[in-house]
C-alpha atoms as a PDB file:
ATOM      1  CA  MET A   1      20.863 -14.476  -4.551  1.00  0.00           C
ATOM      2  CA  SER A   2      21.260 -15.565  -0.938  1.00  0.00           C
ATOM      3  CA  ASP A   3      18.175 -15.460   1.306  1.00  0.00           C
ATOM      4  CA  TRP A   4      18.361 -14.774   5.031  1.00  0.00           C
ATOM      5  CA  LYS A   5      15.037 -15.695   6.638  1.00  0.00           C
ATOM      6  CA  PHE A   6      13.986 -15.064  10.226  1.00  0.00           C
ATOM      7  CA  GLU A   7      10.952 -14.198  12.321  1.00  0.00           C
ATOM      8  CA  ALA A   8      10.597 -10.853  14.094  1.00  0.00           C
ATOM      9  CA  ILE A   9       7.817  -8.509  15.260  1.00  0.00           C
ATOM     10  CA  GLY A  10       5.189 -11.126  14.497  1.00  0.00           C
ATOM     11  CA  THR A  11       6.052 -11.753  10.869  1.00  0.00           C
ATOM     12  CA  VAL A  12       8.525 -13.524   8.589  1.00  0.00           C
ATOM     13  CA  TRP A  13      11.406 -11.519   7.122  1.00  0.00           C
ATOM     14  CA  THR A  14      13.400 -12.418   4.043  1.00  0.00           C
ATOM     15  CA  ILE A  15      16.474 -10.381   3.114  1.00  0.00           C
ATOM     16  CA  SER A  16      17.880 -11.310  -0.281  1.00  0.00           C
ATOM     17  CA  THR A  17      21.404 -10.245  -1.270  1.00  0.00           C
ATOM     18  CA  PRO A  18      23.897 -11.334  -3.971  1.00  0.00           C
ATOM     19  CA  THR A  19      26.108 -12.967  -1.336  1.00  0.00           C
ATOM     20  CA  GLU A  20      25.481 -14.221   2.176  1.00  0.00           C
ATOM     21  CA  ILE A  21      25.145 -11.528   4.843  1.00  0.00           C
ATOM     22  CA  SER A  22      27.909 -11.748   7.443  1.00  0.00           C
ATOM     23  CA  LYS A  23      27.129 -12.733  11.025  1.00  0.00           C
ATOM     24  CA  ASN A  24      28.245  -9.303  12.189  1.00  0.00           C
ATOM     25  CA  ILE A  25      25.718  -7.514   9.977  1.00  0.00           C
ATOM     26  CA  GLN A  26      23.020 -10.019  10.907  1.00  0.00           C
ATOM     27  CA  GLN A  27      23.682  -9.223  14.559  1.00  0.00           C
ATOM     28  CA  LYS A  28      23.354  -5.480  13.892  1.00  0.00           C
ATOM     29  CA  VAL A  29      20.013  -6.051  12.171  1.00  0.00           C
ATOM     30  CA  THR A  30      18.537  -8.361  14.799  1.00  0.00           C
ATOM     31  CA  SER A  31      19.774  -6.154  17.640  1.00  0.00           C
ATOM     32  CA  LYS A  32      18.133  -3.083  16.104  1.00  0.00           C
ATOM     33  CA  ILE A  33      14.856  -4.955  15.572  1.00  0.00           C
ATOM     34  CA  ARG A  34      14.837  -6.100  19.218  1.00  0.00           C
ATOM     35  CA  VAL A  35      15.362  -2.551  20.478  1.00  0.00           C
ATOM     36  CA  PHE A  36      12.711  -1.183  18.120  1.00  0.00           C
ATOM     37  CA  ASP A  37      10.230  -3.828  19.253  1.00  0.00           C
ATOM     38  CA  LYS A  38      10.906  -3.130  22.919  1.00  0.00           C
ATOM     39  CA  ASN A  39      10.340   0.574  22.383  1.00  0.00           C
ATOM     40  CA  TYR A  40       7.274   0.601  20.155  1.00  0.00           C
ATOM     41  CA  SER A  41       5.328  -2.667  20.512  1.00  0.00           C
ATOM     42  CA  ARG A  42       1.949  -2.476  22.256  1.00  0.00           C
ATOM     43  CA  PHE A  43       2.047  -6.272  22.606  1.00  0.00           C
ATOM     44  CA  ARG A  44       4.955  -6.262  25.084  1.00  0.00           C
ATOM     45  CA  SER A  45       4.462  -5.664  28.798  1.00  0.00           C
ATOM     46  CA  ASP A  46       7.980  -4.202  29.063  1.00  0.00           C
ATOM     47  CA  SER A  47       7.812  -1.792  26.122  1.00  0.00           C
ATOM     48  CA  LEU A  48       7.986   1.997  26.270  1.00  0.00           C
ATOM     49  CA  VAL A  49       4.530   2.113  24.652  1.00  0.00           C
ATOM     50  CA  THR A  50       3.078  -0.008  27.475  1.00  0.00           C
ATOM     51  CA  GLN A  51       4.846   2.111  30.094  1.00  0.00           C
ATOM     52  CA  ILE A  52       3.397   5.273  28.567  1.00  0.00           C
ATOM     53  CA  SER A  53      -0.113   3.758  28.542  1.00  0.00           C
ATOM     54  CA  LYS A  54      -0.075   3.276  32.309  1.00  0.00           C
ATOM     55  CA  LYS A  55       1.002   6.669  33.546  1.00  0.00           C
ATOM     56  CA  PRO A  56       0.420  10.178  32.160  1.00  0.00           C
ATOM     57  CA  ASP A  57       3.775  11.907  32.449  1.00  0.00           C
ATOM     58  CA  ASN A  58       6.595  13.521  30.527  1.00  0.00           C
ATOM     59  CA  TYR A  59       8.701  11.066  28.511  1.00  0.00           C
ATOM     60  CA  LYS A  60      11.834  11.364  26.416  1.00  0.00           C
ATOM     61  CA  LEU A  61      11.553   9.495  23.129  1.00  0.00           C
ATOM     62  CA  PRO A  62      14.307   7.412  21.507  1.00  0.00           C
ATOM     63  CA  GLN A  63      16.238   9.187  18.777  1.00  0.00           C
ATOM     64  CA  ASP A  64      14.720   7.074  16.002  1.00  0.00           C
ATOM     65  CA  ALA A  65      11.172   8.049  17.024  1.00  0.00           C
ATOM     66  CA  LYS A  66      11.258  11.437  15.286  1.00  0.00           C
ATOM     67  CA  PRO A  67      10.697  10.410  11.627  1.00  0.00           C
ATOM     68  CA  MET A  68       7.878   8.063  12.646  1.00  0.00           C
ATOM     69  CA  LEU A  69       6.112  10.449  15.050  1.00  0.00           C
ATOM     70  CA  ASP A  70       6.458  13.363  12.622  1.00  0.00           C
ATOM     71  CA  PHE A  71       4.932  11.222   9.864  1.00  0.00           C
ATOM     72  CA  TYR A  72       2.061  10.102  12.072  1.00  0.00           C
ATOM     73  CA  LYS A  73       1.308  13.682  13.112  1.00  0.00           C
ATOM     74  CA  LYS A  74       1.251  14.763   9.469  1.00  0.00           C
ATOM     75  CA  LEU A  75      -1.037  11.860   8.515  1.00  0.00           C
ATOM     76  CA  TYR A  76      -3.252  12.612  11.506  1.00  0.00           C
ATOM     77  CA  ASP A  77      -3.690  16.223  10.419  1.00  0.00           C
ATOM     78  CA  ILE A  78      -4.221  15.443   6.720  1.00  0.00           C
ATOM     79  CA  THR A  79      -6.766  12.689   7.387  1.00  0.00           C
ATOM     80  CA  ASP A  80      -8.615  14.622  10.104  1.00  0.00           C
ATOM     81  CA  GLY A  81      -7.644  12.008  12.671  1.00  0.00           C
ATOM     82  CA  LEU A  82      -8.657   8.937  10.657  1.00  0.00           C
ATOM     83  CA  VAL A  83      -5.057   7.687  10.737  1.00  0.00           C
ATOM     84  CA  THR A  84      -4.015   7.986  14.364  1.00  0.00           C
ATOM     85  CA  PRO A  85      -1.390   6.343  16.587  1.00  0.00           C
ATOM     86  CA  LEU A  86      -3.791   6.861  19.501  1.00  0.00           C
ATOM     87  CA  ILE A  87      -6.052   3.999  18.397  1.00  0.00           C
ATOM     88  CA  GLY A  88      -4.303   1.222  20.351  1.00  0.00           C
ATOM     89  CA  LYS A  89      -7.006   0.847  23.004  1.00  0.00           C
ATOM     90  CA  THR A  90      -9.745   0.744  20.366  1.00  0.00           C
ATOM     91  CA  ILE A  91      -7.992  -2.016  18.433  1.00  0.00           C
ATOM     92  CA  GLU A  92      -7.403  -3.871  21.696  1.00  0.00           C
ATOM     93  CA  GLN A  93     -11.119  -3.604  22.548  1.00  0.00           C
ATOM     94  CA  ALA A  94     -11.939  -5.060  19.126  1.00  0.00           C
ATOM     95  CA  GLY A  95      -9.952  -8.175  20.081  1.00  0.00           C
ATOM     96  CA  TYR A  96      -6.563  -7.499  18.498  1.00  0.00           C
ATOM     97  CA  ASP A  97      -4.895  -7.466  21.891  1.00  0.00           C
ATOM     98  CA  ALA A  98      -1.618  -8.666  23.379  1.00  0.00           C
ATOM     99  CA  ASN A  99      -3.080 -12.162  23.798  1.00  0.00           C
ATOM    100  CA  TYR A 100      -4.500 -12.216  20.246  1.00  0.00           C
ATOM    101  CA  SER A 101      -7.882 -13.146  21.731  1.00  0.00           C
ATOM    102  CA  PHE A 102      -9.864 -11.759  18.768  1.00  0.00           C
ATOM    103  CA  GLN A 103     -12.855 -11.533  21.088  1.00  0.00           C
ATOM    104  CA  PRO A 104     -14.497  -8.155  20.439  1.00  0.00           C
ATOM    105  CA  GLY A 105     -15.899  -6.088  23.271  1.00  0.00           C
ATOM    106  CA  LYS A 106     -17.393  -2.604  23.352  1.00  0.00           C
ATOM    107  CA  LEU A 107     -15.311  -0.147  21.345  1.00  0.00           C
ATOM    108  CA  THR A 108     -14.594   3.425  22.382  1.00  0.00           C
ATOM    109  CA  SER A 109     -13.183   6.136  20.144  1.00  0.00           C
ATOM    110  CA  PRO A 110      -9.575   7.166  20.736  1.00  0.00           C
ATOM    111  CA  PRO A 111      -8.929  10.614  22.207  1.00  0.00           C
ATOM    112  CA  SER A 112      -7.862  13.443  19.975  1.00  0.00           C
ATOM    113  CA  TRP A 113      -4.186  14.347  19.629  1.00  0.00           C
ATOM    114  CA  ASN A 114      -4.579  17.635  21.507  1.00  0.00           C
ATOM    115  CA  GLN A 115      -6.561  15.967  24.282  1.00  0.00           C
ATOM    116  CA  SER A 116      -3.959  13.354  25.024  1.00  0.00           C
ATOM    117  CA  VAL A 117      -0.547  14.293  23.669  1.00  0.00           C
ATOM    118  CA  ASP A 118       1.826  17.233  23.637  1.00  0.00           C
ATOM    119  CA  TYR A 119       4.641  16.298  21.273  1.00  0.00           C
ATOM    120  CA  ASN A 120       7.820  18.306  20.802  1.00  0.00           C
ATOM    121  CA  PHE A 121      10.650  15.926  19.963  1.00  0.00           C
ATOM    122  CA  PRO A 122      12.416  14.440  21.843  1.00  0.00           C
ATOM    123  CA  ASN A 123       9.793  15.106  24.499  1.00  0.00           C
ATOM    124  CA  ILE A 124       6.257  13.763  24.617  1.00  0.00           C
ATOM    125  CA  THR A 125       3.801  14.643  27.359  1.00  0.00           C
ATOM    126  CA  ILE A 126       0.972  12.176  27.883  1.00  0.00           C
ATOM    127  CA  LYS A 127      -1.959  14.125  29.321  1.00  0.00           C
ATOM    128  CA  LYS A 128      -4.282  11.156  29.808  1.00  0.00           C
ATOM    129  CA  PRO A 129      -3.807   7.379  29.570  1.00  0.00           C
ATOM    130  CA  VAL A 130      -3.471   6.346  25.942  1.00  0.00           C
ATOM    131  CA  LEU A 131      -2.215   3.190  24.248  1.00  0.00           C
ATOM    132  CA  LEU A 132      -0.148   4.075  21.211  1.00  0.00           C
ATOM    133  CA  ASP A 133      -0.277   1.825  18.167  1.00  0.00           C
ATOM    134  CA  PHE A 134       2.226   2.153  15.323  1.00  0.00           C
ATOM    135  CA  GLY A 135       0.762  -0.624  13.177  1.00  0.00           C
ATOM    136  CA  ALA A 136      -0.041   1.652  10.248  1.00  0.00           C
ATOM    137  CA  ALA A 137       3.563   2.613   9.470  1.00  0.00           C
ATOM    138  CA  GLY A 138       5.879   1.182  12.132  1.00  0.00           C
ATOM    139  CA  LYS A 139       6.830  -2.015  10.311  1.00  0.00           C
ATOM    140  CA  GLY A 140       7.531  -0.055   7.154  1.00  0.00           C
ATOM    141  CA  TYR A 141       9.737   2.336   9.101  1.00  0.00           C
ATOM    142  CA  LEU A 142      11.651  -0.576  10.607  1.00  0.00           C
ATOM    143  CA  VAL A 143      12.231  -1.977   7.112  1.00  0.00           C
ATOM    144  CA  ASP A 144      13.757   1.383   6.135  1.00  0.00           C
ATOM    145  CA  ILE A 145      16.014   1.276   9.200  1.00  0.00           C
ATOM    146  CA  VAL A 146      17.204  -2.241   8.308  1.00  0.00           C
ATOM    147  CA  GLY A 147      17.798  -1.096   4.733  1.00  0.00           C
ATOM    148  CA  GLU A 148      19.974   1.737   6.014  1.00  0.00           C
ATOM    149  CA  ILE A 149      22.014  -0.736   8.093  1.00  0.00           C
ATOM    150  CA  LEU A 150      22.657  -2.757   4.923  1.00  0.00           C
ATOM    151  CA  ARG A 151      23.623   0.296   2.880  1.00  0.00           C
ATOM    152  CA  THR A 152      26.011   1.602   5.532  1.00  0.00           C
ATOM    153  CA  SER A 153      27.531  -1.907   5.564  1.00  0.00           C
ATOM    154  CA  SER A 154      28.263  -1.553   1.812  1.00  0.00           C
ATOM    155  CA  ILE A 155      25.412  -3.860   0.753  1.00  0.00           C
ATOM    156  CA  ASN A 156      23.866  -1.923  -2.107  1.00  0.00           C
ATOM    157  CA  ASN A 157      21.838  -4.634  -3.818  1.00  0.00           C
ATOM    158  CA  PHE A 158      19.095  -6.151  -1.684  1.00  0.00           C
ATOM    159  CA  VAL A 159      15.426  -6.975  -1.318  1.00  0.00           C
ATOM    160  CA  ILE A 160      13.816  -6.813   2.129  1.00  0.00           C
ATOM    161  CA  ASN A 161      10.413  -8.436   2.494  1.00  0.00           C
ATOM    162  CA  ALA A 162       8.900  -8.149   5.962  1.00  0.00           C
ATOM    163  CA  GLY A 163       5.483  -9.770   5.720  1.00  0.00           C
ATOM    164  CA  GLY A 164       4.691  -7.961   2.467  1.00  0.00           C
ATOM    165  CA  ASP A 165       6.387  -4.646   3.283  1.00  0.00           C
ATOM    166  CA  ILE A 166       9.063  -4.608   0.599  1.00  0.00           C
ATOM    167  CA  LEU A 167      12.122  -2.431   0.017  1.00  0.00           C
ATOM    168  CA  VAL A 168      14.220  -2.918  -3.118  1.00  0.00           C
ATOM    169  CA  HIS A 169      17.670  -1.409  -3.608  1.00  0.00           C
ATOM    170  CA  GLY A 170      19.788  -2.071  -6.679  1.00  0.00           C
ATOM    171  CA  LYS A 171      18.442  -4.509  -9.243  1.00  0.00           C
ATOM    172  CA  PRO A 172      14.701  -4.472 -10.079  1.00  0.00           C
ATOM    173  CA  GLN A 173      12.456  -6.994  -8.366  1.00  0.00           C
ATOM    174  CA  ALA A 174       9.151  -8.454  -9.543  1.00  0.00           C
ATOM    175  CA  VAL A 175       6.347  -8.370  -6.967  1.00  0.00           C
ATOM    176  CA  LEU A 176       3.134 -10.361  -7.249  1.00  0.00           C
ATOM    177  CA  LEU A 177      -0.259  -8.909  -6.320  1.00  0.00           C
ATOM    178  CA  GLU A 178      -2.578 -11.294  -4.481  1.00  0.00           C
ATOM    179  CA  ASN A 179      -6.237 -11.647  -5.362  1.00  0.00           C
ATOM    180  CA  PRO A 180      -8.120 -10.330  -2.284  1.00  0.00           C
ATOM    181  CA  ASP A 181     -10.968 -12.787  -2.897  1.00  0.00           C
ATOM    182  CA  ASP A 182      -8.600 -15.761  -2.925  1.00  0.00           C
ATOM    183  CA  ASN A 183      -5.066 -15.319  -1.572  1.00  0.00           C
ATOM    184  CA  SER A 184      -3.939 -18.458  -3.411  1.00  0.00           C
ATOM    185  CA  LEU A 185      -4.486 -16.652  -6.728  1.00  0.00           C
ATOM    186  CA  ILE A 186      -2.394 -13.890  -8.302  1.00  0.00           C
ATOM    187  CA  LEU A 187      -4.171 -10.825  -9.612  1.00  0.00           C
ATOM    188  CA  GLY A 188      -1.208  -9.130 -11.249  1.00  0.00           C
ATOM    189  CA  SER A 189       2.441  -8.175 -10.951  1.00  0.00           C
ATOM    190  CA  THR A 190       4.648  -5.119 -10.742  1.00  0.00           C
ATOM    191  CA  VAL A 191       8.368  -4.347 -10.788  1.00  0.00           C
ATOM    192  CA  ILE A 192      10.089  -2.323  -8.057  1.00  0.00           C
ATOM    193  CA  GLN A 193      13.540  -0.750  -8.214  1.00  0.00           C
ATOM    194  CA  ASN A 194      15.125   1.570  -5.654  1.00  0.00           C
ATOM    195  CA  ALA A 195      11.724   1.990  -4.050  1.00  0.00           C
ATOM    196  CA  ALA A 196       9.297   0.515  -1.561  1.00  0.00           C
ATOM    197  CA  PHE A 197       6.059  -1.395  -1.964  1.00  0.00           C
ATOM    198  CA  CYS A 198       3.364  -2.099   0.634  1.00  0.00           C
ATOM    199  CA  GLY A 199      -0.170  -3.360   0.586  1.00  0.00           C
ATOM    200  CA  SER A 200      -3.184  -3.381   2.854  1.00  0.00           C
ATOM    201  CA  GLY A 201      -6.486  -5.181   2.624  1.00  0.00           C
ATOM    202  CA  ILE A 202      -9.419  -6.731   4.385  1.00  0.00           C
ATOM    203  CA  SER A 203      -8.630 -10.377   3.632  1.00  0.00           C
ATOM    204  CA  LYS A 204      -5.787 -10.739   6.159  1.00  0.00           C
ATOM    205  CA  ARG A 205      -5.799 -10.258   9.923  1.00  0.00           C
ATOM    206  CA  ASN A 206      -9.578 -10.244  10.048  1.00  0.00           C
ATOM    207  CA  TRP A 207     -11.934 -11.667  12.646  1.00  0.00           C
ATOM    208  CA  GLY A 208     -15.698 -11.360  12.917  1.00  0.00           C
ATOM    209  CA  LYS A 209     -16.723  -7.969  11.586  1.00  0.00           C
ATOM    210  CA  TYR A 210     -13.290  -6.421  12.137  1.00  0.00           C
ATOM    211  CA  HIS A 211      -9.904  -6.419  10.480  1.00  0.00           C
ATOM    212  CA  HIS A 212      -6.634  -4.687  11.337  1.00  0.00           C
ATOM    213  CA  VAL A 213      -7.854  -1.281  10.104  1.00  0.00           C
ATOM    214  CA  ILE A 214     -10.572   0.356  12.198  1.00  0.00           C
ATOM    215  CA  ASP A 215     -12.229   3.709  11.577  1.00  0.00           C
ATOM    216  CA  PRO A 216     -11.600   5.645  14.823  1.00  0.00           C
ATOM    217  CA  LYS A 217     -14.795   7.680  14.409  1.00  0.00           C
ATOM    218  CA  LYS A 218     -17.297   5.130  13.111  1.00  0.00           C
ATOM    219  CA  LEU A 219     -15.679   2.270  15.102  1.00  0.00           C
ATOM    220  CA  ILE A 220     -16.023  -0.136  12.180  1.00  0.00           C
ATOM    221  CA  SER A 221     -13.577  -1.709   9.758  1.00  0.00           C
ATOM    222  CA  PRO A 222     -13.987  -0.362   6.220  1.00  0.00           C
ATOM    223  CA  THR A 223     -15.126  -3.011   3.736  1.00  0.00           C
ATOM    224  CA  ASN A 224     -15.623  -1.124   0.476  1.00  0.00           C
ATOM    225  CA  ILE A 225     -11.915  -1.286  -0.420  1.00  0.00           C
ATOM    226  CA  LYS A 226     -10.649  -4.866  -0.699  1.00  0.00           C
ATOM    227  CA  SER A 227      -6.964  -4.164  -1.364  1.00  0.00           C
ATOM    228  CA  VAL A 228      -4.562  -1.246  -1.624  1.00  0.00           C
ATOM    229  CA  TRP A 229      -1.015  -1.293  -3.011  1.00  0.00           C
ATOM    230  CA  VAL A 230       1.383   1.635  -2.773  1.00  0.00           C
ATOM    231  CA  GLN A 231       4.771   2.328  -4.356  1.00  0.00           C
ATOM    232  CA  ALA A 232       6.829   5.098  -2.720  1.00  0.00           C
ATOM    233  CA  GLU A 233      10.374   6.180  -1.983  1.00  0.00           C
ATOM    234  CA  SER A 234      10.330   4.788   1.569  1.00  0.00           C
ATOM    235  CA  THR A 235       8.639   1.784   3.148  1.00  0.00           C
ATOM    236  CA  MET A 236       7.296   3.906   5.989  1.00  0.00           C
ATOM    237  CA  LEU A 237       5.574   6.169   3.490  1.00  0.00           C
ATOM    238  CA  ALA A 238       4.186   3.261   1.452  1.00  0.00           C
ATOM    239  CA  ASP A 239       3.004   1.458   4.598  1.00  0.00           C
ATOM    240  CA  GLY A 240       1.271   4.472   6.113  1.00  0.00           C
ATOM    241  CA  LEU A 241      -0.389   5.518   2.862  1.00  0.00           C
ATOM    242  CA  ALA A 242      -1.683   1.995   2.252  1.00  0.00           C
ATOM    243  CA  THR A 243      -3.669   2.472   5.456  1.00  0.00           C
ATOM    244  CA  ALA A 244      -4.621   6.089   4.755  1.00  0.00           C
ATOM    245  CA  LEU A 245      -6.091   5.125   1.367  1.00  0.00           C
ATOM    246  CA  MET A 246      -8.619   2.946   3.173  1.00  0.00           C
ATOM    247  CA  PHE A 247     -10.142   6.220   4.442  1.00  0.00           C
ATOM    248  CA  VAL A 248      -9.039   9.158   2.314  1.00  0.00           C
ATOM    249  CA  ASP A 249      -9.199   9.987  -1.382  1.00  0.00           C
ATOM    250  CA  ALA A 250      -5.881   9.481  -3.151  1.00  0.00           C
ATOM    251  CA  ASN A 251      -5.918  12.938  -4.728  1.00  0.00           C
ATOM    252  CA  LYS A 252      -5.983  14.542  -1.298  1.00  0.00           C
ATOM    253  CA  LEU A 253      -2.984  12.511  -0.148  1.00  0.00           C
ATOM    254  CA  ARG A 254      -1.076  13.183  -3.378  1.00  0.00           C
ATOM    255  CA  LYS A 255      -1.099  16.890  -2.549  1.00  0.00           C
ATOM    256  CA  TYR A 256       1.306  16.095   0.282  1.00  0.00           C
ATOM    257  CA  PHE A 257       3.138  12.909  -0.715  1.00  0.00           C
ATOM    258  CA  GLY A 258       4.681  11.432  -3.833  1.00  0.00           C
ATOM    259  CA  PHE A 259       3.434   7.889  -4.481  1.00  0.00           C
ATOM    260  CA  GLU A 260       1.715   5.577  -6.950  1.00  0.00           C
ATOM    261  CA  TYR A 261      -1.149   3.289  -6.040  1.00  0.00           C
ATOM    262  CA  ALA A 262      -3.649   0.663  -7.118  1.00  0.00           C
ATOM    263  CA  MET A 263      -6.870  -0.303  -5.338  1.00  0.00           C
ATOM    264  CA  ILE A 264      -9.548  -2.950  -5.600  1.00  0.00           C
ATOM    265  CA  VAL A 265     -12.831  -1.171  -4.890  1.00  0.00           C
ATOM    266  CA  GLY A 266     -15.700  -3.609  -5.161  1.00  0.00           C
ATOM    267  CA  GLU A 267     -15.008  -5.391  -8.431  1.00  0.00           C
ATOM    268  CA  ASP A 268     -13.124  -2.464  -9.982  1.00  0.00           C
ATOM    269  CA  ILE A 269      -9.406  -1.769 -10.193  1.00  0.00           C
ATOM    270  CA  LYS A 270      -8.429   1.866  -9.703  1.00  0.00           C
ATOM    271  CA  LEU A 271      -4.833   2.981 -10.109  1.00  0.00           C
ATOM    272  CA  SER A 272      -2.678   6.022 -10.593  1.00  0.00           C
ATOM    273  CA  GLN A 273      -1.339   6.724 -14.056  1.00  0.00           C
ATOM    274  CA  ASN A 274       2.238   5.713 -13.248  1.00  0.00           C
ATOM    275  CA  PHE A 275       1.553   2.645 -11.145  1.00  0.00           C
ATOM    276  CA  ASN A 276       3.747   0.169 -12.993  1.00  0.00           C
ATOM    277  CA  ALA A 277       1.747  -3.052 -12.980  1.00  0.00           C
ATOM    278  CA  GLU A 278       0.200  -5.701 -15.199  1.00  0.00           C
ATOM    279  CA  PHE A 279      -3.162  -7.040 -14.109  1.00  0.00           C
ATOM    280  CA  PHE A 280      -4.257 -10.444 -15.298  1.00  0.00           C
ATOM    281  CA  ARG A 281      -7.917  -9.465 -15.224  1.00  0.00           C
ATOM    282  CA  THR A 282      -9.808  -6.179 -15.461  1.00  0.00           C
END
């Protein structure tokens, strides 16, 4: 396999294919990532998200926004607002800001969807200033978009790994599961084929009493669940559900989505019946 490695949207990407990816396809991928970042990053002063945060108005969304916004709205409704793209200002107040200061201040709860947004694709009306954050599922969605670029370029056997958000097409791929108590140790392994795999946990991107997932109602980061891993048909779905499982019971989510999961809750491992994994300890 040939590995193409690069940095984008704040993480390291590795795209593995049987033969080297042509410069033309690489350009298509990097160009799409740049456009996506400029549209949806809350860390960029020139992004659409930043523009929206400064002025309540009517905006027309990019064409690729629909699957992501529709998914977020569905998650928002199912989780009673616990997974919300309106949490950007709250996360920024906690210290996860554009300057990566990690200096927490006073947190305020994000507004409700109906209070702040009127969404009817391709139009979105911002009723009051709000900083959108697509961290729960945006990277996963971008991985899916890159995967589609590869498939339409007749590359049908690949592994995309964007900072742990993984999409496998073609041959099966082994994936290792990190021990949340010590990231240098491996807790188990699984095999993915023609599917996506994402994880979330409290041991990475944490500072003080916060980590990258914050309860928008309690204004705290959940600590009872150490790690979550999700297998699903798309990386956006796996990414978003890995966050949702930090708040919501899996059985509730499985009424609406097809996925398999494993979780470290305290010292216990909980997993769905068809989560295909071998754990080295129980």
